[in-house]
Amino acid sequence: MKLNHIDLQVPDVQCTATFFERFFGFEHTSNRASPAIAILTDREGLVLVLQRLKSPTEKYPEGFHIGFLVDDESTVLGFQERARAEGLEVSDVIRNNRGTMVYCKAPGELLVEVNASPRAR
């Protein structure tokens, strides 16, 4: 079974779409002007759907996040540097038995993990 898509509810659809385009290379395949929905693809079969959050008081549960696996530690460090330079909230580097990772608050308070796992090599 293959994961087809992920649908996330965010307060600012286009701002969040731009984040995924800039930092993770997603391609915007829907109407870029729509405030209600953005459909993006990673060009490898995953579709990321961003929809406008219906109620601004709703939040993701604590600990909810999405994770990206990268090839090496230098990519994690490069992501951290770029995200901080753009004023995003990014964790310090974490190294443990799961690999080398950082967490970043994307627009809309969405937590994103970038991880270079030793098991993925």
PDB file of N, CA and C in Angstrom:
ATOM      1  N   MET A   1       0.848  -1.170   0.000  1.00  0.00           N
ATOM      2  CA  MET A   1       0.000   0.000   0.000  1.00  0.00           C
ATOM      3  C   MET A   1       0.896   1.237   0.000  1.00  0.00           C
ATOM      4  N   LYS A   2       0.511   2.223  -0.783  1.00  0.00           N
ATOM      5  CA  LYS A   2       1.313   3.442  -0.926  1.00  0.00           C
ATOM      6  C   LYS A   2       0.524   4.628  -0.408  1.00  0.00           C
ATOM      7  N   LEU A   3       1.184   5.478   0.367  1.00  0.00           N
ATOM      8  CA  LEU A   3       0.549   6.705   0.834  1.00  0.00           C
ATOM      9  C   LEU A   3       0.297   7.607  -0.366  1.00  0.00           C
ATOM     10  N   ASN A   4      -0.943   8.053  -0.532  1.00  0.00           N
ATOM     11  CA  ASN A   4      -1.340   8.856  -1.682  1.00  0.00           C
ATOM     12  C   ASN A   4      -1.213  10.349  -1.427  1.00  0.00           C
ATOM     13  N   HIS A   5      -1.762  10.815  -0.311  1.00  0.00           N
ATOM     14  CA  HIS A   5      -1.709  12.241  -0.028  1.00  0.00           C
ATOM     15  C   HIS A   5      -1.832  12.503   1.464  1.00  0.00           C
ATOM     16  N   ILE A   6      -1.449  13.718   1.821  1.00  0.00           N
ATOM     17  CA  ILE A   6      -1.620  14.220   3.178  1.00  0.00           C
ATOM     18  C   ILE A   6      -2.410  15.512   3.044  1.00  0.00           C
ATOM     19  N   ASP A   7      -3.414  15.684   3.870  1.00  0.00           N
ATOM     20  CA  ASP A   7      -4.256  16.882   3.842  1.00  0.00           C
ATOM     21  C   ASP A   7      -4.107  17.585   5.186  1.00  0.00           C
ATOM     22  N   LEU A   8      -3.557  18.791   5.153  1.00  0.00           N
ATOM     23  CA  LEU A   8      -3.329  19.557   6.368  1.00  0.00           C
ATOM     24  C   LEU A   8      -4.193  20.811   6.365  1.00  0.00           C
ATOM     25  N   GLN A   9      -4.695  21.158   7.505  1.00  0.00           N
ATOM     26  CA  GLN A   9      -5.498  22.368   7.678  1.00  0.00           C
ATOM     27  C   GLN A   9      -4.593  23.453   8.245  1.00  0.00           C
ATOM     28  N   VAL A  10      -4.518  24.584   7.538  1.00  0.00           N
ATOM     29  CA  VAL A  10      -3.610  25.667   7.929  1.00  0.00           C
ATOM     30  C   VAL A  10      -4.326  27.013   7.845  1.00  0.00           C
ATOM     31  N   PRO A  11      -3.914  27.989   8.649  1.00  0.00           N
ATOM     32  CA  PRO A  11      -4.582  29.289   8.625  1.00  0.00           C
ATOM     33  C   PRO A  11      -4.324  30.093   7.349  1.00  0.00           C
ATOM     34  N   ASP A  12      -3.113  29.991   6.776  1.00  0.00           N
ATOM     35  CA  ASP A  12      -2.780  30.737   5.570  1.00  0.00           C
ATOM     36  C   ASP A  12      -2.238  29.763   4.526  1.00  0.00           C
ATOM     37  N   VAL A  13      -3.122  29.356   3.630  1.00  0.00           N
ATOM     38  CA  VAL A  13      -2.803  28.314   2.651  1.00  0.00           C
ATOM     39  C   VAL A  13      -1.596  28.685   1.799  1.00  0.00           C
ATOM     40  N   GLN A  14      -1.598  29.863   1.218  1.00  0.00           N
ATOM     41  CA  GLN A  14      -0.536  30.213   0.273  1.00  0.00           C
ATOM     42  C   GLN A  14       0.808  30.447   0.972  1.00  0.00           C
ATOM     43  N   CYS A  15       0.790  30.981   2.166  1.00  0.00           N
ATOM     44  CA  CYS A  15       2.033  31.159   2.924  1.00  0.00           C
ATOM     45  C   CYS A  15       2.662  29.797   3.243  1.00  0.00           C
ATOM     46  N   THR A  16       1.835  28.859   3.655  1.00  0.00           N
ATOM     47  CA  THR A  16       2.334  27.516   3.971  1.00  0.00           C
ATOM     48  C   THR A  16       2.795  26.805   2.705  1.00  0.00           C
ATOM     49  N   ALA A  17       2.077  26.982   1.610  1.00  0.00           N
ATOM     50  CA  ALA A  17       2.479  26.383   0.333  1.00  0.00           C
ATOM     51  C   ALA A  17       3.856  26.895  -0.079  1.00  0.00           C
ATOM     52  N   THR A  18       4.072  28.182   0.060  1.00  0.00           N
ATOM     53  CA  THR A  18       5.364  28.780  -0.292  1.00  0.00           C
ATOM     54  C   THR A  18       6.488  28.181   0.549  1.00  0.00           C
ATOM     55  N   PHE A  19       6.226  27.943   1.838  1.00  0.00           N
ATOM     56  CA  PHE A  19       7.215  27.307   2.710  1.00  0.00           C
ATOM     57  C   PHE A  19       7.627  25.942   2.145  1.00  0.00           C
ATOM     58  N   PHE A  20       6.652  25.109   1.775  1.00  0.00           N
ATOM     59  CA  PHE A  20       6.976  23.770   1.269  1.00  0.00           C
ATOM     60  C   PHE A  20       7.653  23.821  -0.098  1.00  0.00           C
ATOM     61  N   GLU A  21       7.334  24.808  -0.892  1.00  0.00           N
ATOM     62  CA  GLU A  21       8.016  24.972  -2.176  1.00  0.00           C
ATOM     63  C   GLU A  21       9.474  25.374  -1.960  1.00  0.00           C
ATOM     64  N   ARG A  22       9.692  26.372  -1.123  1.00  0.00           N
ATOM     65  CA  ARG A  22      11.044  26.910  -0.905  1.00  0.00           C
ATOM     66  C   ARG A  22      11.979  25.941  -0.201  1.00  0.00           C
ATOM     67  N   PHE A  23      11.487  25.283   0.836  1.00  0.00           N
ATOM     68  CA  PHE A  23      12.375  24.461   1.660  1.00  0.00           C
ATOM     69  C   PHE A  23      12.430  22.991   1.270  1.00  0.00           C
ATOM     70  N   PHE A  24      11.384  22.480   0.596  1.00  0.00           N
ATOM     71  CA  PHE A  24      11.352  21.050   0.302  1.00  0.00           C
ATOM     72  C   PHE A  24      11.124  20.729  -1.166  1.00  0.00           C
ATOM     73  N   GLY A  25      11.093  21.754  -2.012  1.00  0.00           N
ATOM     74  CA  GLY A  25      11.019  21.522  -3.447  1.00  0.00           C
ATOM     75  C   GLY A  25       9.675  21.042  -3.965  1.00  0.00           C
ATOM     76  N   PHE A  26       8.607  21.221  -3.189  1.00  0.00           N
ATOM     77  CA  PHE A  26       7.289  20.834  -3.682  1.00  0.00           C
ATOM     78  C   PHE A  26       6.898  21.730  -4.854  1.00  0.00           C
ATOM     79  N   GLU A  27       6.105  21.177  -5.753  1.00  0.00           N
ATOM     80  CA  GLU A  27       5.600  21.916  -6.903  1.00  0.00           C
ATOM     81  C   GLU A  27       4.118  22.217  -6.698  1.00  0.00           C
ATOM     82  N   HIS A  28       3.751  23.463  -6.850  1.00  0.00           N
ATOM     83  CA  HIS A  28       2.356  23.913  -6.699  1.00  0.00           C
ATOM     84  C   HIS A  28       1.614  23.542  -7.984  1.00  0.00           C
ATOM     85  N   THR A  29       0.592  22.689  -7.889  1.00  0.00           N
ATOM     86  CA  THR A  29      -0.101  22.221  -9.093  1.00  0.00           C
ATOM     87  C   THR A  29      -1.531  22.731  -9.198  1.00  0.00           C
ATOM     88  N   SER A  30      -1.956  23.568  -8.270  1.00  0.00           N
ATOM     89  CA  SER A  30      -3.326  24.089  -8.302  1.00  0.00           C
ATOM     90  C   SER A  30      -3.292  25.605  -8.453  1.00  0.00           C
ATOM     91  N   ASN A  31      -4.447  26.213  -8.374  1.00  0.00           N
ATOM     92  CA  ASN A  31      -4.582  27.657  -8.505  1.00  0.00           C
ATOM     93  C   ASN A  31      -3.811  28.367  -7.392  1.00  0.00           C
ATOM     94  N   ARG A  32      -2.739  29.023  -7.744  1.00  0.00           N
ATOM     95  CA  ARG A  32      -1.875  29.690  -6.766  1.00  0.00           C
ATOM     96  C   ARG A  32      -2.584  30.832  -6.039  1.00  0.00           C
ATOM     97  N   ALA A  33      -3.643  31.363  -6.623  1.00  0.00           N
ATOM     98  CA  ALA A  33      -4.352  32.499  -6.017  1.00  0.00           C
ATOM     99  C   ALA A  33      -5.422  32.074  -5.016  1.00  0.00           C
ATOM    100  N   SER A  34      -5.729  30.797  -4.937  1.00  0.00           N
ATOM    101  CA  SER A  34      -6.810  30.343  -4.058  1.00  0.00           C
ATOM    102  C   SER A  34      -6.433  30.492  -2.585  1.00  0.00           C
ATOM    103  N   PRO A  35      -7.264  31.176  -1.798  1.00  0.00           N
ATOM    104  CA  PRO A  35      -7.010  31.256  -0.364  1.00  0.00           C
ATOM    105  C   PRO A  35      -7.513  30.017   0.386  1.00  0.00           C
ATOM    106  N   ALA A  36      -8.241  29.146  -0.317  1.00  0.00           N
ATOM    107  CA  ALA A  36      -8.891  28.021   0.347  1.00  0.00           C
ATOM    108  C   ALA A  36      -8.148  26.696   0.229  1.00  0.00           C
ATOM    109  N   ILE A  37      -7.403  26.493  -0.859  1.00  0.00           N
ATOM    110  CA  ILE A  37      -6.753  25.198  -1.057  1.00  0.00           C
ATOM    111  C   ILE A  37      -5.520  25.342  -1.945  1.00  0.00           C
ATOM    112  N   ALA A  38      -4.506  24.542  -1.631  1.00  0.00           N
ATOM    113  CA  ALA A  38      -3.316  24.417  -2.478  1.00  0.00           C
ATOM    114  C   ALA A  38      -2.997  22.937  -2.586  1.00  0.00           C
ATOM    115  N   ILE A  39      -2.691  22.517  -3.786  1.00  0.00           N
ATOM    116  CA  ILE A  39      -2.298  21.130  -4.012  1.00  0.00           C
ATOM    117  C   ILE A  39      -0.862  21.158  -4.514  1.00  0.00           C
ATOM    118  N   LEU A  40       0.000  20.433  -3.795  1.00  0.00           N
ATOM    119  CA  LEU A  40       1.420  20.399  -4.124  1.00  0.00           C
ATOM    120  C   LEU A  40       1.848  18.950  -4.312  1.00  0.00           C
ATOM    121  N   THR A  41       2.920  18.745  -5.060  1.00  0.00           N
ATOM    122  CA  THR A  41       3.462  17.406  -5.229  1.00  0.00           C
ATOM    123  C   THR A  41       4.971  17.427  -5.018  1.00  0.00           C
ATOM    124  N   ASP A  42       5.476  16.308  -4.533  1.00  0.00           N
ATOM    125  CA  ASP A  42       6.930  16.198  -4.353  1.00  0.00           C
ATOM    126  C   ASP A  42       7.601  15.601  -5.588  1.00  0.00           C
ATOM    127  N   ARG A  43       6.839  15.387  -6.656  1.00  0.00           N
ATOM    128  CA  ARG A  43       7.300  14.819  -7.938  1.00  0.00           C
ATOM    129  C   ARG A  43       7.707  13.352  -7.831  1.00  0.00           C
ATOM    130  N   GLU A  44       7.433  12.741  -6.678  1.00  0.00           N
ATOM    131  CA  GLU A  44       7.729  11.316  -6.506  1.00  0.00           C
ATOM    132  C   GLU A  44       6.469  10.543  -6.137  1.00  0.00           C
ATOM    133  N   GLY A  45       5.318  11.198  -6.266  1.00  0.00           N
ATOM    134  CA  GLY A  45       4.059  10.515  -6.029  1.00  0.00           C
ATOM    135  C   GLY A  45       3.276  10.986  -4.816  1.00  0.00           C
ATOM    136  N   LEU A  46       3.900  11.748  -3.924  1.00  0.00           N
ATOM    137  CA  LEU A  46       3.179  12.231  -2.753  1.00  0.00           C
ATOM    138  C   LEU A  46       2.516  13.563  -3.077  1.00  0.00           C
ATOM    139  N   VAL A  47       1.251  13.676  -2.720  1.00  0.00           N
ATOM    140  CA  VAL A  47       0.512  14.915  -2.893  1.00  0.00           C
ATOM    141  C   VAL A  47       0.265  15.504  -1.507  1.00  0.00           C
ATOM    142  N   LEU A  48       0.566  16.785  -1.370  1.00  0.00           N
ATOM    143  CA  LEU A  48       0.324  17.512  -0.135  1.00  0.00           C
ATOM    144  C   LEU A  48      -0.793  18.510  -0.403  1.00  0.00           C
ATOM    145  N   VAL A  49      -1.906  18.334   0.296  1.00  0.00           N
ATOM    146  CA  VAL A  49      -3.051  19.220   0.152  1.00  0.00           C
ATOM    147  C   VAL A  49      -3.089  20.126   1.377  1.00  0.00           C
ATOM    148  N   LEU A  50      -3.169  21.409   1.131  1.00  0.00           N
ATOM    149  CA  LEU A  50      -3.288  22.391   2.209  1.00  0.00           C
ATOM    150  C   LEU A  50      -4.650  23.056   2.074  1.00  0.00           C
ATOM    151  N   GLN A  51      -5.441  22.985   3.122  1.00  0.00           N
ATOM    152  CA  GLN A  51      -6.753  23.609   3.110  1.00  0.00           C
ATOM    153  C   GLN A  51      -6.838  24.640   4.221  1.00  0.00           C
ATOM    154  N   ARG A  52      -7.613  25.676   3.961  1.00  0.00           N
ATOM    155  CA  ARG A  52      -7.776  26.733   4.959  1.00  0.00           C
ATOM    156  C   ARG A  52      -8.470  26.180   6.193  1.00  0.00           C
ATOM    157  N   LEU A  53      -7.895  26.431   7.324  1.00  0.00           N
ATOM    158  CA  LEU A  53      -8.436  26.038   8.619  1.00  0.00           C
ATOM    159  C   LEU A  53      -9.788  26.713   8.825  1.00  0.00           C
ATOM    160  N   LYS A  54     -10.791  25.929   9.135  1.00  0.00           N
ATOM    161  CA  LYS A  54     -12.150  26.470   9.282  1.00  0.00           C
ATOM    162  C   LYS A  54     -12.304  27.297  10.556  1.00  0.00           C
ATOM    163  N   SER A  55     -11.698  26.835  11.635  1.00  0.00           N
ATOM    164  CA  SER A  55     -11.821  27.528  12.912  1.00  0.00           C
ATOM    165  C   SER A  55     -10.425  27.915  13.403  1.00  0.00           C
ATOM    166  N   PRO A  56     -10.157  29.208  13.536  1.00  0.00           N
ATOM    167  CA  PRO A  56      -8.814  29.626  13.946  1.00  0.00           C
ATOM    168  C   PRO A  56      -8.424  29.183  15.355  1.00  0.00           C
ATOM    169  N   THR A  57      -9.360  28.698  16.142  1.00  0.00           N
ATOM    170  CA  THR A  57      -9.023  28.246  17.492  1.00  0.00           C
ATOM    171  C   THR A  57      -8.527  26.801  17.499  1.00  0.00           C
ATOM    172  N   GLU A  58      -8.718  26.071  16.410  1.00  0.00           N
ATOM    173  CA  GLU A  58      -8.254  24.685  16.348  1.00  0.00           C
ATOM    174  C   GLU A  58      -6.738  24.657  16.201  1.00  0.00           C
ATOM    175  N   LYS A  59      -6.114  23.731  16.898  1.00  0.00           N
ATOM    176  CA  LYS A  59      -4.660  23.572  16.839  1.00  0.00           C
ATOM    177  C   LYS A  59      -4.341  22.095  16.660  1.00  0.00           C
ATOM    178  N   TYR A  60      -3.161  21.831  16.114  1.00  0.00           N
ATOM    179  CA  TYR A  60      -2.701  20.444  16.050  1.00  0.00           C
ATOM    180  C   TYR A  60      -2.391  19.968  17.462  1.00  0.00           C
ATOM    181  N   PRO A  61      -2.594  18.678  17.723  1.00  0.00           N
ATOM    182  CA  PRO A  61      -2.243  18.166  19.056  1.00  0.00           C
ATOM    183  C   PRO A  61      -0.749  18.318  19.315  1.00  0.00           C
ATOM    184  N   GLU A  62      -0.388  18.488  20.568  1.00  0.00           N
ATOM    185  CA  GLU A  62       1.017  18.606  20.941  1.00  0.00           C
ATOM    186  C   GLU A  62       1.773  17.380  20.430  1.00  0.00           C
ATOM    187  N   GLY A  63       2.903  17.626  19.820  1.00  0.00           N
ATOM    188  CA  GLY A  63       3.723  16.537  19.300  1.00  0.00           C
ATOM    189  C   GLY A  63       3.409  16.170  17.859  1.00  0.00           C
ATOM    190  N   PHE A  64       2.270  16.611  17.314  1.00  0.00           N
ATOM    191  CA  PHE A  64       1.948  16.305  15.921  1.00  0.00           C
ATOM    192  C   PHE A  64       2.964  16.993  15.024  1.00  0.00           C
ATOM    193  N   HIS A  65       3.495  16.245  14.075  1.00  0.00           N
ATOM    194  CA  HIS A  65       4.441  16.836  13.132  1.00  0.00           C
ATOM    195  C   HIS A  65       4.518  15.980  11.872  1.00  0.00           C
ATOM    196  N   ILE A  66       5.116  16.546  10.858  1.00  0.00           N
ATOM    197  CA  ILE A  66       5.431  15.766   9.668  1.00  0.00           C
ATOM    198  C   ILE A  66       6.940  15.752   9.534  1.00  0.00           C
ATOM    199  N   GLY A  67       7.475  14.672   8.996  1.00  0.00           N
ATOM    200  CA  GLY A  67       8.925  14.525   8.947  1.00  0.00           C
ATOM    201  C   GLY A  67       9.443  14.273   7.550  1.00  0.00           C
ATOM    202  N   PHE A  68      10.596  14.848   7.276  1.00  0.00           N
ATOM    203  CA  PHE A  68      11.280  14.644   6.010  1.00  0.00           C
ATOM    204  C   PHE A  68      12.604  13.956   6.289  1.00  0.00           C
ATOM    205  N   LEU A  69      12.888  12.932   5.522  1.00  0.00           N
ATOM    206  CA  LEU A  69      14.135  12.192   5.632  1.00  0.00           C
ATOM    207  C   LEU A  69      15.089  12.704   4.560  1.00  0.00           C
ATOM    208  N   VAL A  70      16.284  13.081   4.967  1.00  0.00           N
ATOM    209  CA  VAL A  70      17.291  13.580   4.029  1.00  0.00           C
ATOM    210  C   VAL A  70      18.501  12.653   4.045  1.00  0.00           C
ATOM    211  N   ASP A  71      19.392  12.844   3.078  1.00  0.00           N
ATOM    212  CA  ASP A  71      20.502  11.913   2.895  1.00  0.00           C
ATOM    213  C   ASP A  71      21.621  12.020   3.919  1.00  0.00           C
ATOM    214  N   ASP A  72      21.878  13.232   4.427  1.00  0.00           N
ATOM    215  CA  ASP A  72      23.046  13.368   5.296  1.00  0.00           C
ATOM    216  C   ASP A  72      22.881  14.525   6.277  1.00  0.00           C
ATOM    217  N   GLU A  73      23.755  14.529   7.256  1.00  0.00           N
ATOM    218  CA  GLU A  73      23.721  15.542   8.305  1.00  0.00           C
ATOM    219  C   GLU A  73      23.915  16.948   7.757  1.00  0.00           C
ATOM    220  N   SER A  74      24.722  17.107   6.735  1.00  0.00           N
ATOM    221  CA  SER A  74      24.958  18.443   6.196  1.00  0.00           C
ATOM    222  C   SER A  74      23.673  19.049   5.627  1.00  0.00           C
ATOM    223  N   THR A  75      22.773  18.224   5.128  1.00  0.00           N
ATOM    224  CA  THR A  75      21.492  18.728   4.636  1.00  0.00           C
ATOM    225  C   THR A  75      20.634  19.217   5.800  1.00  0.00           C
ATOM    226  N   VAL A  76      20.673  18.510   6.917  1.00  0.00           N
ATOM    227  CA  VAL A  76      19.953  18.950   8.124  1.00  0.00           C
ATOM    228  C   VAL A  76      20.498  20.301   8.586  1.00  0.00           C
ATOM    229  N   LEU A  77      21.817  20.405   8.661  1.00  0.00           N
ATOM    230  CA  LEU A  77      22.445  21.650   9.112  1.00  0.00           C
ATOM    231  C   LEU A  77      22.164  22.800   8.148  1.00  0.00           C
ATOM    232  N   GLY A  78      22.164  22.508   6.859  1.00  0.00           N
ATOM    233  CA  GLY A  78      21.859  23.529   5.869  1.00  0.00           C
ATOM    234  C   GLY A  78      20.428  24.015   5.976  1.00  0.00           C
ATOM    235  N   PHE A  79      19.504  23.067   6.215  1.00  0.00           N
ATOM    236  CA  PHE A  79      18.102  23.454   6.406  1.00  0.00           C
ATOM    237  C   PHE A  79      17.967  24.355   7.630  1.00  0.00           C
ATOM    238  N   GLN A  80      18.609  23.959   8.722  1.00  0.00           N
ATOM    239  CA  GLN A  80      18.533  24.755   9.947  1.00  0.00           C
ATOM    240  C   GLN A  80      19.034  26.181   9.705  1.00  0.00           C
ATOM    241  N   GLU A  81      20.148  26.301   9.021  1.00  0.00           N
ATOM    242  CA  GLU A  81      20.725  27.615   8.747  1.00  0.00           C
ATOM    243  C   GLU A  81      19.793  28.462   7.874  1.00  0.00           C
ATOM    244  N   ARG A  82      19.263  27.883   6.814  1.00  0.00           N
ATOM    245  CA  ARG A  82      18.354  28.625   5.916  1.00  0.00           C
ATOM    246  C   ARG A  82      17.091  29.056   6.637  1.00  0.00           C
ATOM    247  N   ALA A  83      16.508  28.133   7.407  1.00  0.00           N
ATOM    248  CA  ALA A  83      15.254  28.441   8.112  1.00  0.00           C
ATOM    249  C   ALA A  83      15.475  29.549   9.141  1.00  0.00           C
ATOM    250  N   ARG A  84      16.556  29.485   9.878  1.00  0.00           N
ATOM    251  CA  ARG A  84      16.853  30.541  10.860  1.00  0.00           C
ATOM    252  C   ARG A  84      17.097  31.877  10.163  1.00  0.00           C
ATOM    253  N   ALA A  85      17.785  31.849   9.032  1.00  0.00           N
ATOM    254  CA  ALA A  85      18.052  33.080   8.292  1.00  0.00           C
ATOM    255  C   ALA A  85      16.749  33.725   7.812  1.00  0.00           C
ATOM    256  N   GLU A  86      15.732  32.916   7.618  1.00  0.00           N
ATOM    257  CA  GLU A  86      14.432  33.444   7.183  1.00  0.00           C
ATOM    258  C   GLU A  86      13.529  33.789   8.367  1.00  0.00           C
ATOM    259  N   GLY A  87      14.069  33.674   9.577  1.00  0.00           N
ATOM    260  CA  GLY A  87      13.317  34.079  10.759  1.00  0.00           C
ATOM    261  C   GLY A  87      12.367  33.043  11.310  1.00  0.00           C
ATOM    262  N   LEU A  88      12.499  31.802  10.852  1.00  0.00           N
ATOM    263  CA  LEU A  88      11.633  30.744  11.372  1.00  0.00           C
ATOM    264  C   LEU A  88      12.185  30.199  12.687  1.00  0.00           C
ATOM    265  N   GLU A  89      11.299  29.683  13.502  1.00  0.00           N
ATOM    266  CA  GLU A  89      11.700  29.080  14.776  1.00  0.00           C
ATOM    267  C   GLU A  89      12.212  27.665  14.495  1.00  0.00           C
ATOM    268  N   VAL A  90      13.484  27.431  14.809  1.00  0.00           N
ATOM    269  CA  VAL A  90      14.115  26.140  14.531  1.00  0.00           C
ATOM    270  C   VAL A  90      14.837  25.667  15.780  1.00  0.00           C
ATOM    271  N   SER A  91      14.734  24.387  16.048  1.00  0.00           N
ATOM    272  CA  SER A  91      15.400  23.814  17.224  1.00  0.00           C
ATOM    273  C   SER A  91      16.905  23.752  17.017  1.00  0.00           C
ATOM    274  N   ASP A  92      17.593  23.505  18.111  1.00  0.00           N
ATOM    275  CA  ASP A  92      18.998  23.146  18.017  1.00  0.00           C
ATOM    276  C   ASP A  92      19.071  21.766  17.368  1.00  0.00           C
ATOM    277  N   VAL A  93      20.250  21.392  16.921  1.00  0.00           N
ATOM    278  CA  VAL A  93      20.445  20.070  16.328  1.00  0.00           C
ATOM    279  C   VAL A  93      20.313  19.015  17.416  1.00  0.00           C
ATOM    280  N   ILE A  94      19.596  17.960  17.106  1.00  0.00           N
ATOM    281  CA  ILE A  94      19.415  16.834  18.022  1.00  0.00           C
ATOM    282  C   ILE A  94      20.101  15.626  17.388  1.00  0.00           C
ATOM    283  N   ARG A  95      20.960  14.979  18.152  1.00  0.00           N
ATOM    284  CA  ARG A  95      21.618  13.756  17.678  1.00  0.00           C
ATOM    285  C   ARG A  95      21.276  12.652  18.662  1.00  0.00           C
ATOM    286  N   ASN A  96      20.708  11.584  18.146  1.00  0.00           N
ATOM    287  CA  ASN A  96      20.387  10.423  18.982  1.00  0.00           C
ATOM    288  C   ASN A  96      20.376   9.172  18.109  1.00  0.00           C
ATOM    289  N   ASN A  97      19.849   8.070  18.625  1.00  0.00           N
ATOM    290  CA  ASN A  97      19.866   6.822  17.865  1.00  0.00           C
ATOM    291  C   ASN A  97      18.968   6.864  16.627  1.00  0.00           C
ATOM    292  N   ARG A  98      18.117   7.888  16.496  1.00  0.00           N
ATOM    293  CA  ARG A  98      17.277   8.057  15.307  1.00  0.00           C
ATOM    294  C   ARG A  98      17.980   8.858  14.226  1.00  0.00           C
ATOM    295  N   GLY A  99      19.109   9.476  14.561  1.00  0.00           N
ATOM    296  CA  GLY A  99      19.845  10.240  13.567  1.00  0.00           C
ATOM    297  C   GLY A  99      20.149  11.651  14.026  1.00  0.00           C
ATOM    298  N   THR A 100      20.318  12.534  13.047  1.00  0.00           N
ATOM    299  CA  THR A 100      20.574  13.949  13.284  1.00  0.00           C
ATOM    300  C   THR A 100      19.371  14.703  12.755  1.00  0.00           C
ATOM    301  N   MET A 101      18.760  15.537  13.616  1.00  0.00           N
ATOM    302  CA  MET A 101      17.511  16.183  13.198  1.00  0.00           C
ATOM    303  C   MET A 101      17.361  17.560  13.795  1.00  0.00           C
ATOM    304  N   VAL A 102      16.470  18.316  13.165  1.00  0.00           N
ATOM    305  CA  VAL A 102      16.007  19.590  13.698  1.00  0.00           C
ATOM    306  C   VAL A 102      14.498  19.641  13.493  1.00  0.00           C
ATOM    307  N   TYR A 103      13.863  20.474  14.306  1.00  0.00           N
ATOM    308  CA  TYR A 103      12.424  20.722  14.182  1.00  0.00           C
ATOM    309  C   TYR A 103      12.230  22.198  13.878  1.00  0.00           C
ATOM    310  N   CYS A 104      11.281  22.475  13.009  1.00  0.00           N
ATOM    311  CA  CYS A 104      11.023  23.842  12.575  1.00  0.00           C
ATOM    312  C   CYS A 104       9.524  24.112  12.658  1.00  0.00           C
ATOM    313  N   LYS A 105       9.170  25.318  13.103  1.00  0.00           N
ATOM    314  CA  LYS A 105       7.771  25.739  13.075  1.00  0.00           C
ATOM    315  C   LYS A 105       7.505  26.373  11.714  1.00  0.00           C
ATOM    316  N   ALA A 106       6.732  25.687  10.903  1.00  0.00           N
ATOM    317  CA  ALA A 106       6.322  26.214   9.600  1.00  0.00           C
ATOM    318  C   ALA A 106       5.182  27.203   9.814  1.00  0.00           C
ATOM    319  N   PRO A 107       4.838  27.970   8.798  1.00  0.00           N
ATOM    320  CA  PRO A 107       3.687  28.858   8.933  1.00  0.00           C
ATOM    321  C   PRO A 107       2.457  28.085   9.422  1.00  0.00           C
ATOM    322  N   GLY A 108       1.701  28.708  10.310  1.00  0.00           N
ATOM    323  CA  GLY A 108       0.527  28.056  10.875  1.00  0.00           C
ATOM    324  C   GLY A 108       0.837  27.175  12.068  1.00  0.00           C
ATOM    325  N   GLU A 109       2.052  27.316  12.610  1.00  0.00           N
ATOM    326  CA  GLU A 109       2.477  26.543  13.780  1.00  0.00           C
ATOM    327  C   GLU A 109       2.574  25.039  13.495  1.00  0.00           C
ATOM    328  N   LEU A 110       2.732  24.666  12.235  1.00  0.00           N
ATOM    329  CA  LEU A 110       2.901  23.267  11.858  1.00  0.00           C
ATOM    330  C   LEU A 110       4.345  22.864  12.150  1.00  0.00           C
ATOM    331  N   LEU A 111       4.530  21.805  12.917  1.00  0.00           N
ATOM    332  CA  LEU A 111       5.865  21.346  13.283  1.00  0.00           C
ATOM    333  C   LEU A 111       6.400  20.402  12.207  1.00  0.00           C
ATOM    334  N   VAL A 112       7.616  20.685  11.729  1.00  0.00           N
ATOM    335  CA  VAL A 112       8.243  19.909  10.669  1.00  0.00           C
ATOM    336  C   VAL A 112       9.592  19.406  11.161  1.00  0.00           C
ATOM    337  N   GLU A 113       9.851  18.127  10.964  1.00  0.00           N
ATOM    338  CA  GLU A 113      11.128  17.505  11.325  1.00  0.00           C
ATOM    339  C   GLU A 113      11.939  17.266  10.060  1.00  0.00           C
ATOM    340  N   VAL A 114      13.224  17.546  10.126  1.00  0.00           N
ATOM    341  CA  VAL A 114      14.161  17.199   9.051  1.00  0.00           C
ATOM    342  C   VAL A 114      15.214  16.308   9.687  1.00  0.00           C
ATOM    343  N   ASN A 115      15.342  15.070   9.167  1.00  0.00           N
ATOM    344  CA  ASN A 115      16.143  14.041   9.841  1.00  0.00           C
ATOM    345  C   ASN A 115      17.033  13.323   8.845  1.00  0.00           C
ATOM    346  N   ALA A 116      18.288  13.176   9.208  1.00  0.00           N
ATOM    347  CA  ALA A 116      19.220  12.307   8.498  1.00  0.00           C
ATOM    348  C   ALA A 116      19.391  11.074   9.373  1.00  0.00           C
ATOM    349  N   SER A 117      18.708  10.025   9.006  1.00  0.00           N
ATOM    350  CA  SER A 117      18.713   8.804   9.808  1.00  0.00           C
ATOM    351  C   SER A 117      19.835   7.877   9.369  1.00  0.00           C
ATOM    352  N   PRO A 118      20.576   7.326  10.324  1.00  0.00           N
ATOM    353  CA  PRO A 118      21.639   6.382   9.939  1.00  0.00           C
ATOM    354  C   PRO A 118      21.067   5.103   9.335  1.00  0.00           C
ATOM    355  N   ARG A 119      19.837   4.788   9.626  1.00  0.00           N
ATOM    356  CA  ARG A 119      19.209   3.573   9.074  1.00  0.00           C
ATOM    357  C   ARG A 119      18.797   3.740   7.621  1.00  0.00           C
ATOM    358  N   ALA A 120      18.674   4.978   7.159  1.00  0.00           N
ATOM    359  CA  ALA A 120      18.237   5.221   5.789  1.00  0.00           C
ATOM    360  C   ALA A 120      19.367   5.068   4.783  1.00  0.00           C
ATOM    361  N   ARG A 121      20.586   4.972   5.270  1.00  0.00           N
ATOM    362  CA  ARG A 121      21.745   4.908   4.366  1.00  0.00           C
ATOM    363  C   ARG A 121      22.048   3.491   3.964  1.00  0.00           C
TER     364      ARG A 121
END
